[in-house]
Amino acid sequence: MDSRLPGVPGHPWLGAPIDARPLFAPEQAALMVTLRGLAAADWSKEAVPGWTVRDLAAHVLGDFYGRLARDRDGHRDGPGFAPGDTLETFIHRINQEWVDAHRRVSPAALVDTLDLVGAQVSRFFRATDPDAPSLGVSWAGVDPAPMWLDSARDFTEFWTHRQQIRHAVGQGTDADPRFLSVVLDTFMRALPHTLREVDAPIGTRARVEIDGPAGGVWTATATGATGGGWSLAEPDGERPAAIVRLDAETAWRLCTRGIDPDTALTRVRIEGDRRLAEAVCRIVSIVH
């Protein structure tokens, strides 16, 4: 699926903008199919460490409400940073507080509310201006981020949580390339930030090749620019110094830390500079 918008306004090193807006509604529908198909016992199965399927569904609802309150309704009240909080500790703390508060809510009530509020979220994203400034995306090193990246980031989060629920109940990853191609394309926007501390001559290239119908090719080039010095927008040139080839399942799970970089390295195929390839495999496209 070609979901890229024309032009690269404002943040050229991130590569061509992604248009995830039309996918929120079908992703929401897929989530509802997944949740409404769960057995009673499925809701108490562990979806991610420390959270059950019900906890994770409640977390998604919190993300829905947060987006609408902040960006649709202009509501600014809510939890703030505590002394000593980093972005990561703040996000993990408020997420846990929300999940704890919703443990009194039944799965049936959660599903009904997710259906109602998720539809509103889909309509909100469909109407956004992709070039407008929005929330920062820390794993891409951009703050504020253009709305196209912020919305694509939210799309990947909703998709990832649906896969975690599917895996918890014994289902495989939904490999529909309509969704997965956009997820992988978004995750790869972390490459310049991932390589920001890698010292390499200007023009050095690191390429990631992901197999399958949802895959693609992404090349980060050392530019020497201030603030990181790697870009996804440079024209093709000489053969990359490092090529990392992997399958789509390994790629998305690596980017979300479903597997760690050392495990990923046992599954990828590397050509060229192994040090640079290992740096590529430290990619992470979530707050963790």
Protein backbone atom coordinates (compact mmCIF):
# COMPACT_ATOMS: atom_id res chain seq x y z
CA MET A 1 0.00 0.00 0.00
CA ASP A 2 1.34 3.45 -0.95
CA SER A 3 0.34 5.71 1.92
CA ARG A 4 2.93 8.43 1.41
CA LEU A 5 1.92 12.04 1.03
CA PRO A 6 3.62 14.28 -1.55
CA GLY A 7 6.36 16.59 -0.35
CA VAL A 8 8.53 16.59 2.76
CA PRO A 9 7.65 19.84 4.57
CA GLY A 10 9.68 20.87 7.57
CA HIS A 11 11.38 17.62 8.56
CA PRO A 12 13.09 16.29 5.44
CA TRP A 13 15.36 13.83 7.24
CA LEU A 14 12.28 11.82 8.23
CA GLY A 15 11.57 10.91 4.61
CA ALA A 16 8.29 11.18 2.70
CA PRO A 17 5.26 11.88 4.93
CA ILE A 18 2.91 8.99 5.69
CA ASP A 19 -0.86 9.25 5.47
CA ALA A 20 -2.31 6.90 8.07
CA ARG A 21 -5.58 8.84 8.36
CA PRO A 22 -7.77 6.53 6.22
CA LEU A 23 -6.65 3.49 8.22
CA PHE A 24 -7.96 4.45 11.66
CA ALA A 25 -11.52 3.38 10.88
CA PRO A 26 -10.64 -0.09 9.51
CA GLU A 27 -8.16 -0.60 12.36
CA GLN A 28 -10.89 0.31 14.84
CA ALA A 29 -13.23 -2.17 13.18
CA ALA A 30 -10.56 -4.88 13.40
CA LEU A 31 -10.09 -4.14 17.11
CA MET A 32 -13.81 -4.53 17.70
CA VAL A 33 -13.86 -7.87 15.88
CA THR A 34 -10.95 -9.06 18.03
CA LEU A 35 -12.45 -7.95 21.33
CA ARG A 36 -15.98 -9.14 20.63
CA GLY A 37 -14.58 -12.55 19.71
CA LEU A 38 -12.84 -13.10 23.06
CA ALA A 39 -14.00 -15.77 25.48
CA ALA A 40 -14.59 -14.82 29.10
CA ALA A 41 -11.34 -16.46 30.19
CA ASP A 42 -9.33 -14.56 27.58
CA TRP A 43 -9.72 -11.23 29.35
CA SER A 44 -7.54 -12.33 32.28
CA LYS A 45 -4.68 -13.65 30.14
CA GLU A 46 -1.42 -11.70 30.20
CA ALA A 47 -1.07 -9.48 27.13
CA VAL A 48 2.11 -7.64 28.13
CA PRO A 49 4.18 -8.01 31.29
CA GLY A 50 2.03 -6.93 34.23
CA TRP A 51 -1.13 -6.28 32.20
CA THR A 52 -3.97 -8.58 31.23
CA VAL A 53 -5.97 -8.34 28.04
CA ARG A 54 -8.56 -6.30 29.96
CA ASP A 55 -5.84 -3.97 31.27
CA LEU A 56 -4.50 -3.43 27.77
CA ALA A 57 -7.99 -2.71 26.42
CA ALA A 58 -8.43 -0.14 29.20
CA HIS A 59 -5.10 1.41 28.23
CA VAL A 60 -6.26 1.80 24.63
CA LEU A 61 -9.39 3.52 25.89
CA GLY A 62 -7.20 5.92 27.85
CA ASP A 63 -5.26 6.71 24.69
CA PHE A 64 -8.54 7.38 22.87
CA TYR A 65 -9.79 9.76 25.55
CA GLY A 66 -6.43 11.49 25.83
CA ARG A 67 -6.26 12.25 22.12
CA LEU A 68 -9.80 13.60 21.96
CA ALA A 69 -9.48 15.67 25.14
CA ARG A 70 -6.19 17.24 24.19
CA ASP A 71 -6.43 17.76 20.43
CA ARG A 72 -10.14 17.82 19.62
CA ASP A 73 -11.52 19.48 22.73
CA GLY A 74 -8.56 21.60 23.89
CA HIS A 75 -8.84 20.15 27.40
CA ARG A 76 -5.63 20.78 29.33
CA ASP A 77 -6.48 19.45 32.80
CA GLY A 78 -4.94 16.15 33.85
CA PRO A 79 -1.89 14.60 35.51
CA GLY A 80 1.40 16.44 35.38
CA PHE A 81 5.04 15.56 35.80
CA ALA A 82 6.10 14.64 39.32
CA PRO A 83 9.52 15.68 40.66
CA GLY A 84 12.19 13.58 38.99
CA ASP A 85 9.90 12.26 36.24
CA THR A 86 11.38 11.63 32.84
CA LEU A 87 9.04 11.42 29.87
CA GLU A 88 9.19 7.64 30.10
CA THR A 89 8.47 7.43 33.84
CA PHE A 90 5.68 9.98 33.53
CA ILE A 91 3.97 8.07 30.72
CA HIS A 92 4.32 4.71 32.47
CA ARG A 93 3.00 6.18 35.74
CA ILE A 94 -0.11 7.78 34.31
CA ASN A 95 -0.81 4.72 32.16
CA GLN A 96 -0.68 2.50 35.23
CA GLU A 97 -2.91 4.86 37.21
CA TRP A 98 -5.50 4.75 34.44
CA VAL A 99 -5.41 0.96 34.18
CA ASP A 100 -5.68 0.56 37.95
CA ALA A 101 -8.72 2.86 38.05
CA HIS A 102 -10.46 0.86 35.30
CA ARG A 103 -10.13 -2.55 36.90
CA ARG A 104 -13.66 -2.08 38.21
CA VAL A 105 -14.96 -1.81 34.63
CA SER A 106 -16.26 -5.01 33.07
CA PRO A 107 -14.98 -6.28 29.71
CA ALA A 108 -18.43 -5.79 28.17
CA ALA A 109 -18.54 -2.16 29.28
CA LEU A 110 -14.99 -1.61 28.03
CA VAL A 111 -15.85 -2.96 24.60
CA ASP A 112 -18.97 -0.81 24.29
CA THR A 113 -17.03 2.30 25.30
CA LEU A 114 -14.11 1.50 23.02
CA ASP A 115 -16.56 1.13 20.15
CA LEU A 116 -18.17 4.49 20.84
CA VAL A 117 -15.01 6.51 21.55
CA GLY A 118 -12.84 4.76 18.97
CA ALA A 119 -15.21 5.84 16.22
CA GLN A 120 -14.78 9.44 17.35
CA VAL A 121 -11.01 9.05 17.28
CA SER A 122 -11.17 7.75 13.72
CA ARG A 123 -13.23 10.76 12.64
CA PHE A 124 -10.84 13.11 14.42
CA PHE A 125 -7.76 11.78 12.64
CA ARG A 126 -9.51 11.71 9.28
CA ALA A 127 -10.00 15.49 9.51
CA THR A 128 -6.49 16.47 10.65
CA ASP A 129 -4.02 18.59 8.70
CA PRO A 130 -0.96 16.35 8.17
CA ASP A 131 1.41 19.32 8.08
CA ALA A 132 0.21 20.92 11.33
CA PRO A 133 2.56 20.81 14.35
CA SER A 134 1.57 18.22 16.93
CA LEU A 135 2.89 16.14 19.80
CA GLY A 136 6.54 15.23 19.80
CA VAL A 137 7.62 11.73 18.79
CA SER A 138 10.52 11.03 21.12
CA TRP A 139 11.74 7.89 19.39
CA ALA A 140 12.14 9.87 16.15
CA GLY A 141 13.81 12.78 17.95
CA VAL A 142 11.17 15.30 16.80
CA ASP A 143 9.33 17.76 19.07
CA PRO A 144 6.98 19.14 17.95
CA ALA A 145 6.31 16.55 15.28
CA PRO A 146 4.21 17.09 12.17
CA MET A 147 0.73 15.68 12.57
CA TRP A 148 1.39 13.08 9.86
CA LEU A 149 4.06 11.50 12.07
CA ASP A 150 2.12 11.92 15.30
CA SER A 151 -0.99 10.31 13.81
CA ALA A 152 1.03 7.52 12.19
CA ARG A 153 2.65 6.91 15.58
CA ASP A 154 -0.79 6.56 17.20
CA PHE A 155 -1.89 4.22 14.43
CA THR A 156 1.10 1.97 15.11
CA GLU A 157 0.30 1.95 18.81
CA PHE A 158 -3.31 0.92 18.27
CA TRP A 159 -2.22 -1.77 15.79
CA THR A 160 0.51 -3.06 18.12
CA HIS A 161 -1.85 -3.35 21.08
CA ARG A 162 -4.30 -5.33 18.93
CA GLN A 163 -1.50 -7.75 18.03
CA GLN A 164 -0.56 -8.12 21.69
CA ILE A 165 -4.15 -9.05 22.48
CA ARG A 166 -4.24 -11.49 19.56
CA HIS A 167 -1.00 -13.13 20.70
CA ALA A 168 -2.26 -13.40 24.29
CA VAL A 169 -5.20 -15.51 23.16
CA GLY A 170 -3.24 -17.70 20.77
CA GLN A 171 -3.82 -15.85 17.51
CA GLY A 172 -1.05 -14.85 15.14
CA THR A 173 -0.12 -11.40 13.92
CA ASP A 174 -2.58 -9.79 11.54
CA ALA A 175 -0.27 -9.47 8.53
CA ASP A 176 -2.76 -7.54 6.37
CA PRO A 177 -0.39 -5.34 4.32
CA ARG A 178 -2.89 -2.45 4.38
CA PHE A 179 -1.98 -2.02 8.02
CA LEU A 180 1.42 -3.65 8.44
CA SER A 181 3.06 -1.73 5.57
CA VAL A 182 2.17 1.58 7.24
CA VAL A 183 3.26 0.28 10.65
CA LEU A 184 6.67 -0.74 9.33
CA ASP A 185 7.11 2.46 7.34
CA THR A 186 6.34 4.50 10.46
CA PHE A 187 8.64 2.46 12.68
CA MET A 188 11.53 2.94 10.26
CA ARG A 189 11.31 6.71 10.78
CA ALA A 190 13.24 6.02 13.98
CA LEU A 191 16.37 5.12 11.98
CA PRO A 192 17.99 8.61 11.89
CA HIS A 193 17.46 9.03 15.64
CA THR A 194 18.68 5.48 16.29
CA LEU A 195 21.96 6.20 14.48
CA ARG A 196 22.47 9.69 15.89
CA GLU A 197 25.50 8.67 17.96
CA VAL A 198 27.13 6.59 15.24
CA ASP A 199 30.18 8.41 13.94
CA ALA A 200 30.48 7.78 10.20
CA PRO A 201 31.84 9.70 7.19
CA ILE A 202 29.33 11.86 5.35
CA GLY A 203 27.61 9.77 2.69
CA THR A 204 27.79 6.50 4.65
CA ARG A 205 24.58 4.53 4.13
CA ALA A 206 22.78 1.93 6.22
CA ARG A 207 19.93 0.08 4.52
CA VAL A 208 17.09 -1.94 6.03
CA GLU A 209 15.27 -4.38 3.75
CA ILE A 210 12.11 -5.99 5.09
CA ASP A 211 10.77 -9.00 3.21
CA GLY A 212 7.19 -9.71 2.22
CA PRO A 213 4.17 -7.85 0.83
CA ALA A 214 4.19 -5.35 3.70
CA GLY A 215 7.94 -4.79 3.54
CA GLY A 216 10.13 -2.27 1.81
CA VAL A 217 13.54 -0.64 1.77
CA TRP A 218 14.73 2.26 3.94
CA THR A 219 18.18 3.86 3.66
CA ALA A 220 19.64 6.17 6.27
CA THR A 221 22.52 8.36 5.09
CA ALA A 222 25.06 10.16 7.24
CA THR A 223 24.82 13.87 6.43
CA GLY A 224 26.90 15.46 9.16
CA ALA A 225 24.00 17.77 10.06
CA THR A 226 23.69 19.11 13.59
CA GLY A 227 21.44 17.13 15.92
CA GLY A 228 22.04 13.60 14.70
CA GLY A 229 23.32 13.79 11.19
CA TRP A 230 21.42 10.94 9.52
CA SER A 231 18.61 11.27 6.98
CA LEU A 232 16.07 9.10 5.19
CA ALA A 233 15.66 11.66 2.42
CA GLU A 234 19.01 11.50 0.66
CA PRO A 235 19.16 10.25 -2.96
CA ASP A 236 20.50 6.79 -3.69
CA GLY A 237 24.24 6.64 -4.10
CA GLU A 238 26.96 4.08 -3.64
CA ARG A 239 26.30 0.65 -2.17
CA PRO A 240 25.40 0.91 1.53
CA ALA A 241 28.11 0.26 4.09
CA ALA A 242 25.67 -2.04 5.90
CA ILE A 243 22.55 -3.88 4.80
CA VAL A 244 20.17 -5.46 7.32
CA ARG A 245 17.60 -7.88 5.89
CA LEU A 246 14.79 -9.24 8.05
CA ASP A 247 11.22 -10.47 7.93
CA ALA A 248 8.25 -8.31 8.85
CA GLU A 249 7.45 -10.19 12.08
CA THR A 250 10.98 -9.74 13.40
CA ALA A 251 10.96 -6.08 12.34
CA TRP A 252 7.81 -4.95 14.11
CA ARG A 253 8.54 -6.95 17.23
CA LEU A 254 12.07 -5.53 17.41
CA CYS A 255 10.78 -1.97 17.04
CA THR A 256 8.29 -2.50 19.88
CA ARG A 257 10.69 -4.52 22.03
CA GLY A 258 8.68 -7.68 21.70
CA ILE A 259 12.13 -9.10 21.08
CA ASP A 260 15.46 -7.56 22.09
CA PRO A 261 18.24 -6.52 19.70
CA ASP A 262 20.40 -9.53 20.54
CA THR A 263 17.58 -11.89 19.60
CA ALA A 264 16.92 -9.92 16.43
CA LEU A 265 20.57 -10.23 15.45
CA THR A 266 20.18 -14.03 15.38
CA ARG A 267 17.34 -13.67 12.84
CA VAL A 268 18.61 -10.94 10.51
CA ARG A 269 20.94 -11.25 7.53
CA ILE A 270 23.76 -8.72 7.51
CA GLU A 271 26.01 -7.56 4.73
CA GLY A 272 28.91 -5.17 5.23
CA ASP A 273 29.83 -3.23 8.36
CA ARG A 274 28.61 -5.31 11.29
CA ARG A 275 29.11 -2.47 13.80
CA LEU A 276 26.77 -0.25 11.81
CA ALA A 277 24.29 -3.09 11.31
CA GLU A 278 24.22 -3.76 15.04
CA ALA A 279 23.49 -0.06 15.63
CA VAL A 280 20.57 -0.32 13.21
CA CYS A 281 19.22 -3.26 15.22
CA ARG A 282 19.01 -1.07 18.31
CA ILE A 283 16.04 0.67 16.70
CA VAL A 284 13.07 1.23 18.98
CA SER A 285 9.85 2.92 17.86
CA ILE A 286 7.93 3.18 21.13
CA VAL A 287 8.43 4.89 24.48
CA HIS A 288 9.81 2.18 26.74
